[in-house]
Amino acid sequence: SLKVCEKLEPFDIIYIDPPYFSGVY
């Protein structure tokens, strides 16, 4: 996600729910 998002156009709503203890918040 961190790499793919860099190539995306803007969004109105972004939902972030990674593995809880992944350290990527």
PDB file of all heavy atoms in Angstrom:
ATOM      1  N   SER A   1       0.814  -1.227   0.000  1.00  0.00           N
ATOM      2  CA  SER A   1       0.000   0.000   0.000  1.00  0.00           C
ATOM      3  C   SER A   1       0.842   1.269   0.000  1.00  0.00           C
ATOM      4  O   SER A   1       0.497   2.240  -0.660  1.00  0.00           O
ATOM      5  CB  SER A   1      -0.919   0.030   1.222  1.00  0.00           C
ATOM      6  OG  SER A   1      -1.910  -0.934   1.094  1.00  0.00           O
ATOM      7  N   LEU A   2       1.914   1.269   0.767  1.00  0.00           N
ATOM      8  CA  LEU A   2       2.740   2.472   0.874  1.00  0.00           C
ATOM      9  C   LEU A   2       3.365   2.843  -0.471  1.00  0.00           C
ATOM     10  O   LEU A   2       3.573   4.017  -0.754  1.00  0.00           O
ATOM     11  CB  LEU A   2       3.812   2.284   1.944  1.00  0.00           C
ATOM     12  CG  LEU A   2       3.281   1.984   3.352  1.00  0.00           C
ATOM     13  CD1 LEU A   2       4.421   1.739   4.318  1.00  0.00           C
ATOM     14  CD2 LEU A   2       2.365   3.091   3.851  1.00  0.00           C
ATOM     15  N   LYS A   3       3.611   1.853  -1.305  1.00  0.00           N
ATOM     16  CA  LYS A   3       4.178   2.117  -2.634  1.00  0.00           C
ATOM     17  C   LYS A   3       3.086   2.380  -3.663  1.00  0.00           C
ATOM     18  O   LYS A   3       3.208   3.290  -4.480  1.00  0.00           O
ATOM     19  CB  LYS A   3       5.051   0.943  -3.069  1.00  0.00           C
ATOM     20  CG  LYS A   3       6.294   0.798  -2.216  1.00  0.00           C
ATOM     21  CD  LYS A   3       7.094  -0.406  -2.600  1.00  0.00           C
ATOM     22  CE  LYS A   3       8.295  -0.545  -1.667  1.00  0.00           C
ATOM     23  NZ  LYS A   3       8.969  -1.812  -1.806  1.00  0.00           N
ATOM     24  N   VAL A   4       2.019   1.593  -3.625  1.00  0.00           N
ATOM     25  CA  VAL A   4       0.931   1.745  -4.600  1.00  0.00           C
ATOM     26  C   VAL A   4       0.279   3.124  -4.467  1.00  0.00           C
ATOM     27  O   VAL A   4      -0.014   3.778  -5.469  1.00  0.00           O
ATOM     28  CB  VAL A   4      -0.120   0.621  -4.444  1.00  0.00           C
ATOM     29  CG1 VAL A   4      -1.333   0.877  -5.334  1.00  0.00           C
ATOM     30  CG2 VAL A   4       0.491  -0.738  -4.761  1.00  0.00           C
ATOM     31  N   CYS A   5       0.081   3.578  -3.241  1.00  0.00           N
ATOM     32  CA  CYS A   5      -0.601   4.859  -3.008  1.00  0.00           C
ATOM     33  C   CYS A   5       0.119   6.039  -3.629  1.00  0.00           C
ATOM     34  O   CYS A   5      -0.508   7.025  -4.007  1.00  0.00           O
ATOM     35  CB  CYS A   5      -0.783   5.106  -1.512  1.00  0.00           C
ATOM     36  SG  CYS A   5      -2.128   4.140  -0.811  1.00  0.00           S
ATOM     37  N   GLU A   6       1.421   5.944  -3.740  1.00  0.00           N
ATOM     38  CA  GLU A   6       2.195   7.040  -4.332  1.00  0.00           C
ATOM     39  C   GLU A   6       1.827   7.285  -5.790  1.00  0.00           C
ATOM     40  O   GLU A   6       2.088   8.353  -6.326  1.00  0.00           O
ATOM     41  CB  GLU A   6       3.693   6.764  -4.206  1.00  0.00           C
ATOM     42  CG  GLU A   6       4.165   6.814  -2.762  1.00  0.00           C
ATOM     43  CD  GLU A   6       5.637   6.472  -2.602  1.00  0.00           C
ATOM     44  OE1 GLU A   6       6.269   6.024  -3.581  1.00  0.00           O
ATOM     45  OE2 GLU A   6       6.143   6.666  -1.489  1.00  0.00           O
ATOM     46  N   LYS A   7       1.187   6.306  -6.432  1.00  0.00           N
ATOM     47  CA  LYS A   7       0.845   6.407  -7.856  1.00  0.00           C
ATOM     48  C   LYS A   7      -0.635   6.691  -8.085  1.00  0.00           C
ATOM     49  O   LYS A   7      -1.084   6.731  -9.218  1.00  0.00           O
ATOM     50  CB  LYS A   7       1.225   5.103  -8.564  1.00  0.00           C
ATOM     51  CG  LYS A   7       2.694   4.768  -8.453  1.00  0.00           C
ATOM     52  CD  LYS A   7       2.984   3.380  -8.953  1.00  0.00           C
ATOM     53  CE  LYS A   7       4.430   3.033  -8.646  1.00  0.00           C
ATOM     54  NZ  LYS A   7       4.674   1.617  -8.604  1.00  0.00           N
ATOM     55  N   LEU A   8      -1.397   6.860  -7.006  1.00  0.00           N
ATOM     56  CA  LEU A   8      -2.849   7.014  -7.138  1.00  0.00           C
ATOM     57  C   LEU A   8      -3.272   8.474  -7.123  1.00  0.00           C
ATOM     58  O   LEU A   8      -2.608   9.331  -6.539  1.00  0.00           O
ATOM     59  CB  LEU A   8      -3.554   6.264  -6.004  1.00  0.00           C
ATOM     60  CG  LEU A   8      -3.354   4.750  -5.975  1.00  0.00           C
ATOM     61  CD1 LEU A   8      -4.034   4.160  -4.748  1.00  0.00           C
ATOM     62  CD2 LEU A   8      -3.883   4.104  -7.252  1.00  0.00           C
ATOM     63  N   GLU A   9      -4.429   8.718  -7.743  1.00  0.00           N
ATOM     64  CA  GLU A   9      -5.050  10.040  -7.705  1.00  0.00           C
ATOM     65  C   GLU A   9      -5.714  10.233  -6.343  1.00  0.00           C
ATOM     66  O   GLU A   9      -5.946   9.269  -5.621  1.00  0.00           O
ATOM     67  CB  GLU A   9      -6.098  10.146  -8.811  1.00  0.00           C
ATOM     68  CG  GLU A   9      -5.513  10.094 -10.201  1.00  0.00           C
ATOM     69  CD  GLU A   9      -6.582  10.157 -11.277  1.00  0.00           C
ATOM     70  OE1 GLU A   9      -7.744  10.490 -10.975  1.00  0.00           O
ATOM     71  OE2 GLU A   9      -6.230   9.875 -12.433  1.00  0.00           O
ATOM     72  N   PRO A  10      -6.078  11.455  -5.991  1.00  0.00           N
ATOM     73  CA  PRO A  10      -6.692  11.731  -4.680  1.00  0.00           C
ATOM     74  C   PRO A  10      -8.022  11.001  -4.455  1.00  0.00           C
ATOM     75  O   PRO A  10      -8.738  10.689  -5.402  1.00  0.00           O
ATOM     76  CB  PRO A  10      -6.916  13.246  -4.715  1.00  0.00           C
ATOM     77  CG  PRO A  10      -5.920  13.757  -5.689  1.00  0.00           C
ATOM     78  CD  PRO A  10      -5.808  12.683  -6.737  1.00  0.00           C
ATOM     79  N   PHE A  11      -8.317  10.769  -3.181  1.00  0.00           N
ATOM     80  CA  PHE A  11      -9.550  10.127  -2.743  1.00  0.00           C
ATOM     81  C   PHE A  11     -10.263  10.997  -1.726  1.00  0.00           C
ATOM     82  O   PHE A  11      -9.633  11.743  -0.979  1.00  0.00           O
ATOM     83  CB  PHE A  11      -9.255   8.759  -2.091  1.00  0.00           C
ATOM     84  CG  PHE A  11      -8.833   7.722  -3.067  1.00  0.00           C
ATOM     85  CD1 PHE A  11      -7.510   7.606  -3.437  1.00  0.00           C
ATOM     86  CD2 PHE A  11      -9.770   6.884  -3.650  1.00  0.00           C
ATOM     87  CE1 PHE A  11      -7.106   6.659  -4.359  1.00  0.00           C
ATOM     88  CE2 PHE A  11      -9.376   5.928  -4.577  1.00  0.00           C
ATOM     89  CZ  PHE A  11      -8.044   5.819  -4.933  1.00  0.00           C
ATOM     90  N   ASP A  12     -11.584  10.854  -1.681  1.00  0.00           N
ATOM     91  CA  ASP A  12     -12.381  11.568  -0.694  1.00  0.00           C
ATOM     92  C   ASP A  12     -12.310  10.881   0.667  1.00  0.00           C
ATOM     93  O   ASP A  12     -12.260  11.536   1.697  1.00  0.00           O
ATOM     94  CB  ASP A  12     -13.844  11.647  -1.153  1.00  0.00           C
ATOM     95  CG  ASP A  12     -13.965  12.366  -2.483  1.00  0.00           C
ATOM     96  OD1 ASP A  12     -13.553  13.537  -2.560  1.00  0.00           O
ATOM     97  OD2 ASP A  12     -14.452  11.753  -3.453  1.00  0.00           O
ATOM     98  N   ILE A  13     -12.338   9.553   0.652  1.00  0.00           N
ATOM     99  CA  ILE A  13     -12.304   8.762   1.885  1.00  0.00           C
ATOM    100  C   ILE A  13     -11.185   7.732   1.766  1.00  0.00           C
ATOM    101  O   ILE A  13     -11.105   7.010   0.763  1.00  0.00           O
ATOM    102  CB  ILE A  13     -13.638   8.002   2.120  1.00  0.00           C
ATOM    103  CG1 ILE A  13     -14.833   8.960   2.088  1.00  0.00           C
ATOM    104  CG2 ILE A  13     -13.578   7.200   3.419  1.00  0.00           C
ATOM    105  CD1 ILE A  13     -14.848  10.011   3.171  1.00  0.00           C
ATOM    106  N   ILE A  14     -10.336   7.653   2.792  1.00  0.00           N
ATOM    107  CA  ILE A  14      -9.288   6.636   2.837  1.00  0.00           C
ATOM    108  C   ILE A  14      -9.442   5.865   4.135  1.00  0.00           C
ATOM    109  O   ILE A  14      -9.469   6.450   5.221  1.00  0.00           O
ATOM    110  CB  ILE A  14      -7.881   7.257   2.734  1.00  0.00           C
ATOM    111  CG1 ILE A  14      -7.729   8.011   1.405  1.00  0.00           C
ATOM    112  CG2 ILE A  14      -6.806   6.176   2.894  1.00  0.00           C
ATOM    113  CD1 ILE A  14      -6.402   8.718   1.225  1.00  0.00           C
ATOM    114  N   TYR A  15      -9.549   4.552   3.998  1.00  0.00           N
ATOM    115  CA  TYR A  15      -9.708   3.663   5.150  1.00  0.00           C
ATOM    116  C   TYR A  15      -8.379   2.954   5.399  1.00  0.00           C
ATOM    117  O   TYR A  15      -7.842   2.296   4.501  1.00  0.00           O
ATOM    118  CB  TYR A  15     -10.811   2.641   4.870  1.00  0.00           C
ATOM    119  CG  TYR A  15     -11.221   1.861   6.086  1.00  0.00           C
ATOM    120  CD1 TYR A  15     -12.044   2.433   7.056  1.00  0.00           C
ATOM    121  CD2 TYR A  15     -10.794   0.560   6.283  1.00  0.00           C
ATOM    122  CE1 TYR A  15     -12.428   1.720   8.178  1.00  0.00           C
ATOM    123  CE2 TYR A  15     -11.182  -0.162   7.395  1.00  0.00           C
ATOM    124  CZ  TYR A  15     -11.996   0.437   8.342  1.00  0.00           C
ATOM    125  OH  TYR A  15     -12.370  -0.275   9.449  1.00  0.00           O
ATOM    126  N   ILE A  16      -7.846   3.107   6.607  1.00  0.00           N
ATOM    127  CA  ILE A  16      -6.558   2.516   6.968  1.00  0.00           C
ATOM    128  C   ILE A  16      -6.768   1.549   8.126  1.00  0.00           C
ATOM    129  O   ILE A  16      -7.120   1.961   9.231  1.00  0.00           O
ATOM    130  CB  ILE A  16      -5.539   3.610   7.372  1.00  0.00           C
ATOM    131  CG1 ILE A  16      -5.343   4.615   6.239  1.00  0.00           C
ATOM    132  CG2 ILE A  16      -4.213   2.971   7.786  1.00  0.00           C
ATOM    133  CD1 ILE A  16      -4.456   5.807   6.601  1.00  0.00           C
ATOM    134  N   ASP A  17      -6.538   0.277   7.843  1.00  0.00           N
ATOM    135  CA  ASP A  17      -6.696  -0.771   8.854  1.00  0.00           C
ATOM    136  C   ASP A  17      -5.645  -1.858   8.614  1.00  0.00           C
ATOM    137  O   ASP A  17      -5.965  -2.969   8.212  1.00  0.00           O
ATOM    138  CB  ASP A  17      -8.115  -1.350   8.785  1.00  0.00           C
ATOM    139  CG  ASP A  17      -8.363  -2.444   9.813  1.00  0.00           C
ATOM    140  OD1 ASP A  17      -7.580  -2.561  10.776  1.00  0.00           O
ATOM    141  OD2 ASP A  17      -9.326  -3.198   9.634  1.00  0.00           O
ATOM    142  N   PRO A  18      -4.362  -1.510   8.856  1.00  0.00           N
ATOM    143  CA  PRO A  18      -3.304  -2.505   8.644  1.00  0.00           C
ATOM    144  C   PRO A  18      -3.287  -3.522   9.785  1.00  0.00           C
ATOM    145  O   PRO A  18      -4.004  -3.337  10.783  1.00  0.00           O
ATOM    146  CB  PRO A  18      -2.028  -1.660   8.659  1.00  0.00           C
ATOM    147  CG  PRO A  18      -2.349  -0.527   9.567  1.00  0.00           C
ATOM    148  CD  PRO A  18      -3.817  -0.242   9.344  1.00  0.00           C
ATOM    149  N   PRO A  19      -2.475  -4.568   9.662  1.00  0.00           N
ATOM    150  CA  PRO A  19      -2.309  -5.455  10.822  1.00  0.00           C
ATOM    151  C   PRO A  19      -1.946  -4.587  12.041  1.00  0.00           C
ATOM    152  O   PRO A  19      -1.095  -3.703  11.946  1.00  0.00           O
ATOM    153  CB  PRO A  19      -1.148  -6.359  10.404  1.00  0.00           C
ATOM    154  CG  PRO A  19      -1.217  -6.376   8.898  1.00  0.00           C
ATOM    155  CD  PRO A  19      -1.674  -5.000   8.520  1.00  0.00           C
ATOM    156  N   TYR A  20      -2.626  -4.813  13.152  1.00  0.00           N
ATOM    157  CA  TYR A  20      -2.544  -3.908  14.299  1.00  0.00           C
ATOM    158  C   TYR A  20      -1.131  -3.590  14.778  1.00  0.00           C
ATOM    159  O   TYR A  20      -0.832  -2.466  15.116  1.00  0.00           O
ATOM    160  CB  TYR A  20      -3.354  -4.461  15.470  1.00  0.00           C
ATOM    161  CG  TYR A  20      -4.850  -4.287  15.314  1.00  0.00           C
ATOM    162  CD1 TYR A  20      -5.717  -5.156  15.950  1.00  0.00           C
ATOM    163  CD2 TYR A  20      -5.398  -3.266  14.552  1.00  0.00           C
ATOM    164  CE1 TYR A  20      -7.093  -5.013  15.830  1.00  0.00           C
ATOM    165  CE2 TYR A  20      -6.763  -3.110  14.422  1.00  0.00           C
ATOM    166  CZ  TYR A  20      -7.605  -3.990  15.069  1.00  0.00           C
ATOM    167  OH  TYR A  20      -8.960  -3.843  14.952  1.00  0.00           O
ATOM    168  N   PHE A  21      -0.259  -4.549  14.830  1.00  0.00           N
ATOM    169  CA  PHE A  21       1.064  -4.302  15.409  1.00  0.00           C
ATOM    170  C   PHE A  21       2.159  -4.286  14.343  1.00  0.00           C
ATOM    171  O   PHE A  21       3.294  -4.647  14.585  1.00  0.00           O
ATOM    172  CB  PHE A  21       1.345  -5.340  16.505  1.00  0.00           C
ATOM    173  CG  PHE A  21       0.292  -5.300  17.585  1.00  0.00           C
ATOM    174  CD1 PHE A  21      -0.718  -6.249  17.624  1.00  0.00           C
ATOM    175  CD2 PHE A  21       0.272  -4.281  18.528  1.00  0.00           C
ATOM    176  CE1 PHE A  21      -1.712  -6.194  18.591  1.00  0.00           C
ATOM    177  CE2 PHE A  21      -0.711  -4.205  19.499  1.00  0.00           C
ATOM    178  CZ  PHE A  21      -1.706  -5.166  19.535  1.00  0.00           C
ATOM    179  N   SER A  22       1.788  -3.809  13.164  1.00  0.00           N
ATOM    180  CA  SER A  22       2.708  -3.802  12.024  1.00  0.00           C
ATOM    181  C   SER A  22       3.662  -2.607  12.043  1.00  0.00           C
ATOM    182  O   SER A  22       4.644  -2.607  11.319  1.00  0.00           O
ATOM    183  CB  SER A  22       1.916  -3.786  10.725  1.00  0.00           C
ATOM    184  OG  SER A  22       1.089  -2.632  10.673  1.00  0.00           O
ATOM    185  N   GLY A  23       3.336  -1.573  12.822  1.00  0.00           N
ATOM    186  CA  GLY A  23       4.195  -0.400  12.893  1.00  0.00           C
ATOM    187  C   GLY A  23       4.110   0.503  11.675  1.00  0.00           C
ATOM    188  O   GLY A  23       5.020   1.307  11.447  1.00  0.00           O
ATOM    189  N   VAL A  24       3.043   0.404  10.879  1.00  0.00           N
ATOM    190  CA  VAL A  24       2.947   1.213   9.657  1.00  0.00           C
ATOM    191  C   VAL A  24       1.906   2.333   9.746  1.00  0.00           C
ATOM    192  O   VAL A  24       1.654   3.003   8.745  1.00  0.00           O
ATOM    193  CB  VAL A  24       2.662   0.343   8.405  1.00  0.00           C
ATOM    194  CG1 VAL A  24       3.779  -0.640   8.156  1.00  0.00           C
ATOM    195  CG2 VAL A  24       1.330  -0.357   8.514  1.00  0.00           C
ATOM    196  N   TYR A  25       1.335   2.563  10.906  1.00  0.00           N
ATOM    197  CA  TYR A  25       0.275   3.574  11.019  1.00  0.00           C
ATOM    198  C   TYR A  25       0.747   4.972  10.629  1.00  0.00           C
ATOM    199  O   TYR A  25       0.117   5.638   9.803  1.00  0.00           O
ATOM    200  CB  TYR A  25      -0.317   3.592  12.427  1.00  0.00           C
ATOM    201  CG  TYR A  25      -1.302   2.486  12.672  1.00  0.00           C
ATOM    202  CD1 TYR A  25      -0.921   1.326  13.346  1.00  0.00           C
ATOM    203  CD2 TYR A  25      -2.599   2.569  12.212  1.00  0.00           C
ATOM    204  CE1 TYR A  25      -1.826   0.302  13.563  1.00  0.00           C
ATOM    205  CE2 TYR A  25      -3.514   1.548  12.424  1.00  0.00           C
ATOM    206  CZ  TYR A  25      -3.119   0.417  13.106  1.00  0.00           C
ATOM    207  OH  TYR A  25      -4.018  -0.595  13.297  1.00  0.00           O
TER     208      TYR A  25
END
